[in-house]
Amino acid sequence: MQPWMRGSQGSGRKRRVAIRLGLASGVLVTLLPIASVAGIVATSSPAGAVEISTPACGSVEFPTGATGSWVIPATGVDVYSNGTSDEGTGYDCSSATSTVNGKVAGEEWQCVEFINRLYLSNGWISSNWAGNAGPEFYDDAPSNLSKQGNGSVSYLGPGDVVVINVYYNGSLDGGHALVVNDASNVANGAVNLVSQNSGYTSNSEPVVAGTLSGGSVSVGGGGDGYTYSTIGVVHAPSGGSSGGGSVQSANLLHDGSAENSSAGWQVGPGTGFARYEGGNGAPAIAHDGSAYLAFNGNASAGASLFQDVPVTAGAWQAYVGTAWVSSQAGTASGQLCLWGLGPNTHSCISYAVAAGTYRKYQVVYDAPQPVSTIRFQFYPGSGTTDVDTMSLVGNLLHDGSAENSSAGWQVGPGTGFARYEGGNGAPAIAHDGSAYLAFNGNASAGASLFQDVPVTAGAWQAYVGTAWVSSQAGTATGQLCLWGLGPNTHSCISYSVSAGTYGEFQVVYDAPQPVSTIRFQLYPGSGTTDVDTMSLG
């Protein structure tokens, strides 16, 4: 295991980074359909290392059919070979320096180059994370990343970096850095670790096992005089799902309630648009305050009302858009959408409303790659839409709307679980977008659907959990809870819902002491629960 800069640590001796244990074996990942025998959804955690013959300099070692694939809820990058002469050493098989969007990642192909390339590609850091692998790399971690010293590690999350010292016959012989490749947080037990420039010359080990127990992380391998000690863990933002800083809990929209003006809003071609104030000839009432916006037009011809919001969003950072909608007269219909400009991906929810009352509509968007602009946009259908009390906030959950996957979610013992997409045999409809999650089971026996979210929460810091819940058939009951892990305190709300429509359920949790993990958890009661548009902020 070696530093990033050539020959800058240790004796220059070629270092072996992990014992060769053969191909990894593990548990097949299985999603249980609702009608199946109950069980636990799991990801593979190999007991040993994945060893391959070192390919030519710059060839991909991971992901491949022989070494496995990325499962983190983010954009994985390739692990490249350092060549048959330099693999596992402080020397480089290439004379080049890699870059990501014009920012230096490092020398090709050292271990910290791989870390930089992964973190820059996902927007988790904005400039080079300098330093040689070992104490320097841990100490100089970018300020937006949280870290925990070995012995005090509360969890290992997707994309986290494990930094270690390497010893040869008891003497320090350099350092190494590895990335956690698991789909969700692990509080205790085995994890998959992926790294670059690991192995020894003609043999490479891009995947090894790690273990978290009692706050301490151990890295598999060793032998032939080599031992490893973990320095600490540097956590990826929001468990590898959010990047570019903390999630915004404040409203990112300008004039979301139109009380001062409509200056933040733009319209597409052919859009009829007005801002009204109560008492000044307004044809309807506001939802909050005295002002609201109204619009109509032909969406197929480009009509829309929108606001572009600059953000620094890493891959899988999530946002929640909310609006209270009414009709100026009769009925009005349309769509509320969130767009990530650049990849131009989106999530939408349709609305149909009557005059005289406002209804709340909410949509969740997960950015599949880093984006710099989120567009909050309405598309008019029939009638004239009145809209008020609009907001755009960050969401700490990964895949809260299940549009991309269910990778962020875990289930307890005896939970029947499935992710459905409309048009692909889904037995019910989604609340927003086209996908939703469904689950059932016996909560008293451990059944639940949950997501653990790493946070830095001081005493009495509060969180709000929201879920839109329905029943797959008949009636479904259960509870939505927020837990602060550590003190293991919680707040819950019960639900009872019918098929064919979604109801909003919301719970607030105040941490009575500092916590590092918030658990968003649903406990099934009777029936099968359909859930969508989930958020934590």
Protein backbone atom coordinates (compact mmCIF):
# COMPACT_ATOMS: atom_id res chain seq x y z
CA MET A 1 0.00 0.00 0.00
CA GLN A 2 1.60 3.22 -1.06
CA PRO A 3 1.41 6.99 -1.25
CA TRP A 4 0.18 9.04 -4.14
CA MET A 5 3.44 10.83 -4.91
CA ARG A 6 6.14 8.55 -6.27
CA GLY A 7 8.61 7.43 -3.58
CA SER A 8 7.43 10.03 -1.09
CA GLN A 9 6.80 7.63 1.79
CA GLY A 10 8.43 4.47 3.05
CA SER A 11 11.55 2.76 1.84
CA GLY A 12 10.64 2.49 -1.82
CA ARG A 13 10.25 -1.28 -1.38
CA LYS A 14 7.37 -2.69 -3.41
CA ARG A 15 4.51 -3.25 -0.99
CA ARG A 16 1.92 -5.99 -0.98
CA VAL A 17 -1.49 -4.68 0.06
CA ALA A 18 -3.73 -7.67 0.75
CA ILE A 19 -3.46 -11.39 1.13
CA ARG A 20 -4.69 -13.34 -1.87
CA LEU A 21 -7.76 -15.30 -0.88
CA GLY A 22 -9.32 -16.09 -4.24
CA LEU A 23 -12.60 -14.92 -5.69
CA ALA A 24 -15.14 -13.48 -3.31
CA SER A 25 -18.32 -15.30 -2.50
CA GLY A 26 -21.42 -13.74 -1.02
CA VAL A 27 -25.18 -13.61 -0.73
CA LEU A 28 -27.25 -13.12 -3.86
CA VAL A 29 -29.12 -9.83 -3.79
CA THR A 30 -32.84 -10.62 -3.77
CA LEU A 31 -35.92 -8.42 -3.72
CA LEU A 32 -38.87 -10.27 -2.28
CA PRO A 33 -42.20 -9.83 -4.04
CA ILE A 34 -45.16 -9.08 -1.82
CA ALA A 35 -46.57 -12.57 -2.22
CA SER A 36 -43.28 -14.33 -1.52
CA VAL A 37 -42.09 -15.99 1.66
CA ALA A 38 -40.72 -13.27 3.91
CA GLY A 39 -36.98 -12.63 4.06
CA ILE A 40 -34.30 -9.99 4.21
CA VAL A 41 -32.96 -8.01 1.24
CA ALA A 42 -29.16 -8.17 1.46
CA THR A 43 -26.05 -7.24 -0.50
CA SER A 44 -22.99 -9.39 -0.88
CA SER A 45 -20.18 -8.87 1.64
CA PRO A 46 -17.25 -11.06 0.60
CA ALA A 47 -15.21 -12.89 3.18
CA GLY A 48 -11.95 -12.38 1.27
CA ALA A 49 -10.29 -10.54 -1.56
CA VAL A 50 -10.89 -10.63 -5.29
CA GLU A 51 -7.58 -11.43 -6.96
CA ILE A 52 -6.80 -11.06 -10.66
CA SER A 53 -3.72 -11.10 -12.81
CA THR A 54 -2.55 -7.52 -13.20
CA PRO A 55 -3.53 -6.29 -16.67
CA ALA A 56 -1.60 -3.76 -18.76
CA CYS A 57 -1.08 -0.23 -17.48
CA GLY A 58 -4.35 1.75 -17.60
CA SER A 59 -6.59 -1.30 -18.12
CA VAL A 60 -9.79 -1.47 -16.06
CA GLU A 61 -9.57 -3.76 -13.03
CA PHE A 62 -12.95 -2.85 -11.53
CA PRO A 63 -15.84 -2.98 -12.32
CA THR A 64 -15.58 -6.08 -14.52
CA GLY A 65 -17.31 -9.43 -14.77
CA ALA A 66 -14.51 -10.98 -12.72
CA THR A 67 -14.23 -8.35 -9.98
CA GLY A 68 -17.82 -7.19 -9.47
CA SER A 69 -19.69 -3.92 -9.85
CA TRP A 70 -20.47 -0.71 -8.02
CA VAL A 71 -23.50 -0.78 -5.73
CA ILE A 72 -23.11 2.64 -4.10
CA PRO A 73 -26.02 5.05 -4.82
CA ALA A 74 -23.73 7.34 -6.80
CA THR A 75 -21.61 7.40 -9.95
CA GLY A 76 -18.85 4.81 -9.62
CA VAL A 77 -15.57 5.28 -11.51
CA ASP A 78 -13.15 2.77 -12.98
CA VAL A 79 -10.21 1.31 -11.05
CA TYR A 80 -7.19 1.22 -13.38
CA SER A 81 -4.15 -1.04 -13.36
CA ASN A 82 -0.76 0.42 -12.37
CA GLY A 83 0.91 -2.12 -14.62
CA THR A 84 2.68 -5.41 -13.97
CA SER A 85 5.88 -3.74 -12.77
CA ASP A 86 4.39 -0.99 -10.59
CA GLU A 87 1.14 -2.41 -9.18
CA GLY A 88 1.20 -2.14 -5.41
CA THR A 89 4.12 0.29 -5.33
CA GLY A 90 4.72 4.01 -5.03
CA TYR A 91 5.79 4.17 -8.67
CA ASP A 92 3.56 5.07 -11.63
CA CYS A 93 3.17 3.07 -14.83
CA SER A 94 2.03 6.25 -16.58
CA SER A 95 3.68 9.66 -16.73
CA ALA A 96 0.29 11.42 -17.02
CA THR A 97 -1.86 13.20 -14.46
CA SER A 98 -5.61 12.62 -14.59
CA THR A 99 -8.19 15.40 -14.37
CA VAL A 100 -11.95 15.70 -13.84
CA ASN A 101 -13.59 18.76 -15.40
CA GLY A 102 -10.25 20.52 -15.45
CA LYS A 103 -9.40 19.69 -11.81
CA VAL A 104 -6.37 17.52 -11.01
CA ALA A 105 -7.22 14.08 -9.62
CA GLY A 106 -3.65 12.74 -9.32
CA GLU A 107 -0.86 10.64 -10.78
CA GLU A 108 -1.97 7.67 -12.88
CA TRP A 109 -2.67 5.22 -11.24
CA GLN A 110 -2.10 5.69 -7.50
CA CYS A 111 -4.74 4.98 -4.85
CA VAL A 112 -5.46 8.62 -3.98
CA GLU A 113 -5.91 9.47 -7.67
CA PHE A 114 -8.83 7.04 -7.65
CA ILE A 115 -10.31 8.66 -4.51
CA ASN A 116 -10.02 12.13 -6.03
CA ARG A 117 -11.51 11.01 -9.34
CA LEU A 118 -14.51 9.42 -7.57
CA TYR A 119 -15.16 12.40 -5.32
CA LEU A 120 -14.68 15.03 -8.05
CA SER A 121 -16.91 13.08 -10.47
CA ASN A 122 -19.75 13.05 -7.93
CA GLY A 123 -19.37 16.67 -6.88
CA TRP A 124 -18.48 15.64 -3.32
CA ILE A 125 -15.39 17.85 -3.44
CA SER A 126 -14.73 20.91 -5.58
CA SER A 127 -10.92 20.79 -5.74
CA ASN A 128 -8.07 18.31 -5.35
CA TRP A 129 -7.89 16.39 -2.07
CA ALA A 130 -4.14 16.60 -1.64
CA GLY A 131 -1.79 14.37 0.30
CA ASN A 132 -0.14 10.99 0.39
CA ALA A 133 -2.21 8.02 1.54
CA GLY A 134 -1.88 7.68 5.30
CA PRO A 135 -2.17 10.23 8.14
CA GLU A 136 -1.64 13.18 5.80
CA PHE A 137 -4.53 12.19 3.56
CA TYR A 138 -6.84 11.71 6.55
CA ASP A 139 -5.76 14.95 8.25
CA ASP A 140 -6.12 17.00 5.05
CA ALA A 141 -9.61 15.78 4.11
CA PRO A 142 -11.71 18.64 2.64
CA SER A 143 -13.60 20.61 5.27
CA ASN A 144 -17.03 19.70 3.88
CA LEU A 145 -16.39 16.01 4.63
CA SER A 146 -16.93 14.63 8.13
CA LYS A 147 -14.51 12.09 9.53
CA GLN A 148 -14.22 9.72 12.48
CA GLY A 149 -11.03 8.33 13.96
CA ASN A 150 -10.67 4.60 14.34
CA GLY A 151 -12.26 3.44 17.56
CA SER A 152 -15.03 6.04 17.19
CA VAL A 153 -16.50 5.04 13.80
CA SER A 154 -20.30 4.91 14.12
CA TYR A 155 -20.98 3.62 10.60
CA LEU A 156 -19.47 2.90 7.19
CA GLY A 157 -21.50 4.40 4.36
CA PRO A 158 -21.48 4.15 0.56
CA GLY A 159 -18.45 5.94 -0.87
CA ASP A 160 -16.73 6.45 2.50
CA VAL A 161 -12.92 6.40 2.47
CA VAL A 162 -11.04 4.12 4.87
CA VAL A 163 -7.48 5.38 5.39
CA ILE A 164 -4.86 2.99 6.77
CA ASN A 165 -1.18 2.70 7.67
CA VAL A 166 0.85 -0.20 6.27
CA TYR A 167 3.56 -1.91 8.34
CA TYR A 168 6.26 -4.31 7.17
CA ASN A 169 7.82 -6.42 9.94
CA GLY A 170 6.53 -3.86 12.43
CA SER A 171 7.92 -0.76 10.69
CA LEU A 172 5.77 1.85 8.96
CA ASP A 173 5.89 1.25 5.23
CA GLY A 174 3.42 3.71 3.72
CA GLY A 175 -0.35 4.07 3.58
CA HIS A 176 -3.40 3.25 1.51
CA ALA A 177 -6.98 4.45 1.01
CA LEU A 178 -10.01 2.31 0.11
CA VAL A 179 -13.65 3.08 -0.73
CA VAL A 180 -16.70 1.44 0.84
CA ASN A 181 -18.79 -0.22 -1.87
CA ASP A 182 -22.06 -1.02 -0.13
CA ALA A 183 -25.57 0.17 -1.01
CA SER A 184 -26.40 1.54 2.44
CA ASN A 185 -24.87 2.29 5.81
CA VAL A 186 -23.35 -0.51 7.88
CA ALA A 187 -23.27 0.03 11.65
CA ASN A 188 -21.66 -3.30 12.47
CA GLY A 189 -20.31 -6.13 10.33
CA ALA A 190 -18.65 -6.72 6.97
CA VAL A 191 -18.29 -4.29 4.06
CA ASN A 192 -16.83 -4.37 0.57
CA LEU A 193 -13.75 -2.18 0.01
CA VAL A 194 -12.53 -1.13 -3.44
CA SER A 195 -9.13 0.44 -4.12
CA GLN A 196 -6.63 1.18 -6.84
CA ASN A 197 -2.96 0.14 -6.98
CA SER A 198 -3.44 -2.75 -4.57
CA GLY A 199 -1.82 -6.13 -4.82
CA TYR A 200 1.73 -6.89 -5.83
CA THR A 201 3.16 -6.47 -9.37
CA SER A 202 1.69 -9.36 -11.38
CA ASN A 203 -1.33 -9.82 -9.08
CA SER A 204 -3.96 -7.22 -8.20
CA GLU A 205 -6.63 -7.20 -5.50
CA PRO A 206 -9.05 -4.36 -6.32
CA VAL A 207 -11.64 -5.69 -3.86
CA VAL A 208 -11.05 -6.71 -0.23
CA ALA A 209 -13.27 -7.13 2.80
CA GLY A 210 -13.45 -4.81 5.77
CA THR A 211 -15.16 -5.13 9.14
CA LEU A 212 -16.66 -2.56 11.50
CA SER A 213 -16.97 -3.73 15.11
CA GLY A 214 -17.15 -1.68 18.29
CA GLY A 215 -16.28 1.52 16.45
CA SER A 216 -13.11 0.09 14.92
CA VAL A 217 -12.48 -0.76 11.27
CA SER A 218 -10.20 -3.59 10.18
CA VAL A 219 -9.09 -4.20 6.60
CA GLY A 220 -8.70 -7.73 5.25
CA GLY A 221 -5.38 -9.03 4.06
CA GLY A 222 -1.94 -8.91 5.57
CA GLY A 223 0.57 -11.68 5.96
CA ASP A 224 4.16 -12.13 4.73
CA GLY A 225 5.26 -9.56 7.31
CA TYR A 226 2.58 -6.99 6.40
CA THR A 227 0.02 -5.67 8.87
CA TYR A 228 -2.47 -2.81 8.62
CA SER A 229 -3.88 -0.32 11.11
CA THR A 230 -6.81 1.92 10.34
CA ILE A 231 -6.31 5.65 10.90
CA GLY A 232 -9.93 6.65 10.38
CA VAL A 233 -12.86 7.03 8.02
CA VAL A 234 -13.75 10.06 5.91
CA HIS A 235 -17.48 10.00 5.15
CA ALA A 236 -18.96 10.74 1.75
CA PRO A 237 -21.65 13.45 1.92
CA SER A 238 -25.02 12.03 3.05
CA GLY A 239 -23.91 8.42 2.83
CA GLY A 240 -22.69 8.64 -0.75
CA SER A 241 -25.97 10.03 -2.01
CA SER A 242 -25.55 13.77 -1.69
CA GLY A 243 -22.70 15.98 -2.66
CA GLY A 244 -21.40 19.47 -2.73
CA GLY A 245 -22.10 20.38 0.88
CA SER A 246 -25.01 20.01 3.27
CA VAL A 247 -28.58 19.59 2.16
CA GLN A 248 -30.50 22.87 2.12
CA SER A 249 -33.44 22.96 4.53
CA ALA A 250 -34.31 26.58 3.70
CA ASN A 251 -36.58 27.34 0.76
CA LEU A 252 -34.45 27.74 -2.37
CA LEU A 253 -37.21 29.48 -4.35
CA HIS A 254 -37.41 33.24 -4.67
CA ASP A 255 -40.91 34.62 -4.02
CA GLY A 256 -42.42 31.17 -3.59
CA SER A 257 -45.47 32.82 -2.05
CA ALA A 258 -45.53 35.83 -4.41
CA GLU A 259 -46.00 38.22 -1.48
CA ASN A 260 -43.40 40.71 -2.67
CA SER A 261 -43.31 40.19 -6.43
CA SER A 262 -43.13 37.60 -9.17
CA ALA A 263 -39.56 38.56 -10.04
CA GLY A 264 -38.13 35.06 -9.61
CA TRP A 265 -40.52 33.46 -12.09
CA GLN A 266 -40.32 32.97 -15.85
CA VAL A 267 -42.87 31.73 -18.40
CA GLY A 268 -42.63 29.70 -21.58
CA PRO A 269 -44.09 30.65 -25.00
CA GLY A 270 -47.84 31.21 -25.04
CA THR A 271 -48.28 31.31 -21.27
CA GLY A 272 -51.00 33.51 -19.79
CA PHE A 273 -49.63 34.75 -16.47
CA ALA A 274 -50.59 37.14 -13.66
CA ARG A 275 -49.79 37.92 -10.04
CA TYR A 276 -52.85 38.77 -7.94
CA GLU A 277 -53.25 40.43 -4.56
CA GLY A 278 -56.36 40.05 -2.43
CA GLY A 279 -58.38 43.25 -2.23
CA ASN A 280 -56.98 44.49 -5.53
CA GLY A 281 -59.35 42.84 -7.95
CA ALA A 282 -58.06 39.30 -7.43
CA PRO A 283 -60.54 36.79 -8.92
CA ALA A 284 -59.78 34.20 -6.20
CA ILE A 285 -58.10 33.91 -2.80
CA ALA A 286 -54.51 33.24 -1.78
CA HIS A 287 -53.44 30.15 0.14
CA ASP A 288 -51.16 32.10 2.46
CA GLY A 289 -50.63 35.84 2.80
CA SER A 290 -52.54 37.91 0.29
CA ALA A 291 -50.87 37.20 -3.08
CA TYR A 292 -50.74 34.27 -5.49
CA LEU A 293 -49.80 33.46 -9.09
CA ALA A 294 -52.13 32.35 -11.90
CA PHE A 295 -51.28 30.87 -15.29
CA ASN A 296 -52.74 28.98 -18.25
CA GLY A 297 -51.80 27.92 -21.76
CA ASN A 298 -50.94 24.99 -24.00
CA ALA A 299 -48.07 22.98 -22.52
CA SER A 300 -47.51 21.12 -25.79
CA ALA A 301 -46.73 24.48 -27.40
CA GLY A 302 -44.23 25.39 -24.67
CA ALA A 303 -46.44 27.05 -22.04
CA SER A 304 -45.10 26.76 -18.50
CA LEU A 305 -44.28 28.67 -15.32
CA PHE A 306 -40.81 28.00 -13.93
CA GLN A 307 -37.90 29.10 -11.80
CA ASP A 308 -34.27 28.03 -12.25
CA VAL A 309 -32.36 27.59 -8.98
CA PRO A 310 -28.53 27.38 -8.91
CA VAL A 311 -27.32 24.52 -6.71
CA THR A 312 -24.17 22.51 -6.03
CA ALA A 313 -25.62 19.02 -6.25
CA GLY A 314 -23.60 15.83 -6.31
CA ALA A 315 -24.87 12.60 -7.78
CA TRP A 316 -28.03 11.38 -6.04
CA GLN A 317 -28.52 14.56 -4.06
CA ALA A 318 -32.28 14.89 -3.70
CA TYR A 319 -34.78 17.75 -3.65
CA VAL A 320 -38.43 18.10 -2.68
CA GLY A 321 -40.74 20.47 -4.56
CA THR A 322 -44.05 21.49 -2.96
CA ALA A 323 -46.91 23.67 -4.17
CA TRP A 324 -50.46 24.45 -3.07
CA VAL A 325 -52.68 24.49 -6.15
CA SER A 326 -56.23 25.64 -6.92
CA SER A 327 -58.33 26.65 -9.92
CA GLN A 328 -59.40 30.18 -10.72
CA ALA A 329 -62.79 28.92 -11.89
CA GLY A 330 -64.25 25.47 -12.47
CA THR A 331 -61.42 22.92 -12.66
CA ALA A 332 -57.77 23.12 -13.67
CA SER A 333 -55.21 20.45 -14.43
CA GLY A 334 -51.51 20.23 -15.19
CA GLN A 335 -48.18 18.96 -13.88
CA LEU A 336 -45.60 20.02 -11.32
CA CYS A 337 -42.06 18.89 -12.21
CA LEU A 338 -38.50 19.14 -10.91
CA TRP A 339 -35.73 19.06 -13.52
CA GLY A 340 -32.00 18.59 -13.12
CA LEU A 341 -30.59 20.68 -15.95
CA GLY A 342 -27.58 19.17 -17.66
CA PRO A 343 -28.66 15.54 -17.59
CA ASN A 344 -32.20 16.94 -18.18
CA THR A 345 -33.82 14.28 -16.04
CA HIS A 346 -37.02 15.00 -14.14
CA SER A 347 -39.76 13.82 -11.85
CA CYS A 348 -43.37 15.03 -12.14
CA ILE A 349 -46.74 14.81 -10.44
CA SER A 350 -50.07 15.55 -12.15
CA TYR A 351 -52.74 17.69 -10.51
CA ALA A 352 -56.46 18.23 -10.99
CA VAL A 353 -58.08 20.83 -8.74
CA ALA A 354 -61.32 22.73 -8.25
CA ALA A 355 -61.94 26.40 -7.48
CA GLY A 356 -62.35 27.64 -3.92
CA THR A 357 -59.82 25.39 -2.16
CA TYR A 358 -56.10 24.62 -2.37
CA ARG A 359 -54.52 21.16 -2.46
CA LYS A 360 -50.94 20.27 -1.64
CA TYR A 361 -48.81 18.60 -4.33
CA GLN A 362 -45.28 17.33 -3.75
CA VAL A 363 -42.60 15.78 -5.96
CA VAL A 364 -39.15 14.32 -5.15
CA TYR A 365 -36.19 14.47 -7.57
CA ASP A 366 -32.87 12.57 -7.24
CA ALA A 367 -30.04 13.88 -9.43
CA PRO A 368 -28.45 10.85 -11.21
CA GLN A 369 -25.26 12.88 -11.74
CA PRO A 370 -23.91 16.24 -10.52
CA VAL A 371 -26.10 19.19 -11.55
CA SER A 372 -25.75 22.95 -11.11
CA THR A 373 -29.38 23.99 -11.74
CA ILE A 374 -32.71 22.65 -10.50
CA ARG A 375 -35.79 23.81 -12.43
CA PHE A 376 -39.09 24.04 -10.53
CA GLN A 377 -41.71 23.97 -13.31
CA PHE A 378 -45.46 23.88 -13.90
CA TYR A 379 -47.06 22.74 -17.14
CA PRO A 380 -50.68 23.92 -17.55
CA GLY A 381 -53.37 21.60 -18.83
CA SER A 382 -57.01 22.68 -18.83
CA GLY A 383 -58.33 25.79 -17.09
CA THR A 384 -56.43 28.48 -15.21
CA THR A 385 -54.22 27.31 -12.35
CA ASP A 386 -53.80 29.36 -9.17
CA VAL A 387 -50.63 28.50 -7.22
CA ASP A 388 -49.20 29.63 -3.90
CA THR A 389 -46.92 28.58 -0.98
CA MET A 390 -44.27 26.99 -3.21
CA SER A 391 -40.99 25.61 -1.89
CA LEU A 392 -37.89 23.75 -2.98
CA VAL A 393 -35.76 22.14 -0.26
CA GLY A 394 -33.07 19.49 0.01
CA ASN A 395 -33.95 15.89 0.86
CA LEU A 396 -31.63 13.76 2.99
CA LEU A 397 -33.16 10.50 1.75
CA HIS A 398 -31.76 8.60 -1.21
CA ASP A 399 -34.39 7.49 -3.73
CA GLY A 400 -37.24 8.82 -1.63
CA SER A 401 -39.42 8.57 -4.72
CA ALA A 402 -37.95 5.25 -5.97
CA GLU A 403 -37.66 6.62 -9.51
CA ASN A 404 -34.13 5.36 -10.07
CA SER A 405 -33.90 2.36 -7.75
CA SER A 406 -34.54 1.17 -4.21
CA ALA A 407 -30.82 1.07 -3.42
CA GLY A 408 -31.05 3.33 -0.38
CA TRP A 409 -33.63 1.20 1.39
CA GLN A 410 -33.28 -1.76 3.76
CA VAL A 411 -35.83 -4.13 5.25
CA GLY A 412 -36.12 -5.95 8.57
CA PRO A 413 -36.75 -9.67 9.13
CA GLY A 414 -39.95 -11.01 7.62
CA THR A 415 -40.63 -8.02 5.38
CA GLY A 416 -42.24 -8.58 1.98
CA PHE A 417 -40.85 -5.86 -0.27
CA ALA A 418 -40.95 -4.73 -3.91
CA ARG A 419 -40.30 -1.71 -6.09
CA TYR A 420 -42.90 -1.20 -8.81
CA GLU A 421 -42.94 0.91 -11.98
CA GLY A 422 -46.11 1.94 -13.74
CA GLY A 423 -46.63 0.13 -17.02
CA ASN A 424 -44.47 -2.80 -15.90
CA GLY A 425 -47.05 -4.88 -14.08
CA ALA A 426 -47.44 -2.53 -11.12
CA PRO A 427 -50.59 -3.43 -9.17
CA ALA A 428 -51.26 0.21 -8.22
CA ILE A 429 -50.22 3.76 -9.16
CA ALA A 430 -47.35 5.96 -8.01
CA HIS A 431 -47.91 9.23 -6.17
CA ASP A 432 -45.26 11.11 -8.18
CA GLY A 433 -43.22 9.95 -11.16
CA SER A 434 -43.85 6.35 -12.17
CA ALA A 435 -42.32 4.23 -9.39
CA TYR A 436 -43.16 3.44 -5.78
CA LEU A 437 -42.30 0.97 -3.02
CA ALA A 438 -44.59 -1.62 -1.45
CA PHE A 439 -44.11 -3.66 1.71
CA ASN A 440 -45.92 -5.78 4.28
CA GLY A 441 -45.17 -8.04 7.24
CA ASN A 442 -45.41 -8.42 10.99
CA ALA A 443 -43.82 -5.42 12.73
CA SER A 444 -43.77 -7.22 16.08
CA ALA A 445 -41.48 -9.82 14.49
CA GLY A 446 -39.13 -7.16 13.10
CA ALA A 447 -40.70 -6.28 9.75
CA SER A 448 -40.00 -2.73 8.57
CA LEU A 449 -38.75 -0.60 5.68
CA PHE A 450 -36.03 1.87 6.63
CA GLN A 451 -33.15 4.09 5.59
CA ASP A 452 -30.27 5.21 7.83
CA VAL A 453 -29.06 8.74 7.13
CA PRO A 454 -25.73 10.03 8.50
CA VAL A 455 -26.08 13.48 10.06
CA THR A 456 -24.20 15.84 12.31
CA ALA A 457 -26.95 16.69 14.78
CA GLY A 458 -26.47 18.62 18.00
CA ALA A 459 -28.79 18.30 20.97
CA TRP A 460 -32.37 19.31 20.12
CA GLN A 461 -31.72 19.56 16.42
CA ALA A 462 -35.00 18.63 14.75
CA TYR A 463 -35.92 16.69 11.60
CA VAL A 464 -39.16 16.33 9.64
CA GLY A 465 -40.05 13.07 7.92
CA THR A 466 -42.77 12.97 5.27
CA ALA A 467 -44.28 10.07 3.32
CA TRP A 468 -47.25 9.75 0.98
CA VAL A 469 -48.94 6.45 1.76
CA SER A 470 -51.60 4.28 0.10
CA SER A 471 -52.79 0.68 0.16
CA GLN A 472 -52.20 -1.84 -2.58
CA ALA A 473 -55.68 -3.25 -2.01
CA GLY A 474 -58.35 -2.67 0.61
CA THR A 475 -56.95 -1.01 3.73
CA ALA A 476 -53.38 -0.82 5.05
CA THR A 477 -52.18 0.36 8.45
CA GLY A 478 -48.83 0.99 10.07
CA GLN A 479 -46.51 3.62 11.52
CA LEU A 480 -43.97 6.15 10.19
CA CYS A 481 -41.16 6.84 12.68
CA LEU A 482 -37.96 8.86 12.93
CA TRP A 483 -35.24 7.45 15.19
CA GLY A 484 -32.10 9.07 16.54
CA LEU A 485 -29.67 6.15 16.71
CA GLY A 486 -27.38 6.21 19.73
CA PRO A 487 -29.89 7.47 22.26
CA ASN A 488 -32.44 5.35 20.34
CA THR A 489 -35.23 7.83 20.90
CA HIS A 490 -38.00 8.22 18.38
CA SER A 491 -41.20 9.92 17.26
CA CYS A 492 -43.96 8.12 15.34
CA ILE A 493 -47.27 8.70 13.59
CA SER A 494 -49.80 5.97 12.79
CA TYR A 495 -51.48 5.68 9.39
CA SER A 496 -54.57 3.96 8.03
CA VAL A 497 -55.10 4.29 4.28
CA SER A 498 -57.25 2.92 1.47
CA ALA A 499 -56.36 1.84 -2.07
CA GLY A 500 -56.54 4.26 -4.97
CA THR A 501 -55.41 7.46 -3.25
CA TYR A 502 -52.37 8.67 -1.31
CA GLY A 503 -52.43 10.48 2.02
CA GLU A 504 -49.62 12.61 3.45
CA PHE A 505 -48.17 11.64 6.83
CA GLN A 506 -45.56 13.69 8.64
CA VAL A 507 -43.57 13.28 11.85
CA VAL A 508 -41.11 15.57 13.68
CA TYR A 509 -38.18 14.27 15.74
CA ASP A 510 -36.07 16.35 18.16
CA ALA A 511 -32.74 14.79 19.14
CA PRO A 512 -32.36 14.98 22.94
CA GLN A 513 -28.57 14.63 22.56
CA PRO A 514 -26.10 14.68 19.65
CA VAL A 515 -26.71 11.90 17.11
CA SER A 516 -24.85 10.80 13.98
CA THR A 517 -27.62 8.76 12.32
CA ILE A 518 -31.32 9.43 11.74
CA ARG A 519 -33.39 6.38 10.81
CA PHE A 520 -36.47 6.96 8.63
CA GLN A 521 -38.60 3.85 9.27
CA LEU A 522 -41.99 2.48 8.31
CA TYR A 523 -43.56 -0.37 10.30
CA PRO A 524 -46.31 -2.36 8.52
CA GLY A 525 -49.55 -3.27 10.27
CA SER A 526 -52.36 -4.87 8.30
CA GLY A 527 -52.45 -5.08 4.51
CA THR A 528 -49.79 -4.06 2.00
CA THR A 529 -48.59 -0.46 2.16
CA ASP A 530 -47.64 1.49 -0.97
CA VAL A 531 -45.34 4.44 -0.24
CA ASP A 532 -43.87 7.22 -2.38
CA THR A 533 -42.55 10.81 -2.29
CA MET A 534 -40.64 10.35 0.96
CA SER A 535 -38.43 13.08 2.38
CA LEU A 536 -36.32 13.92 5.40
CA GLY A 537 -35.19 17.44 6.15
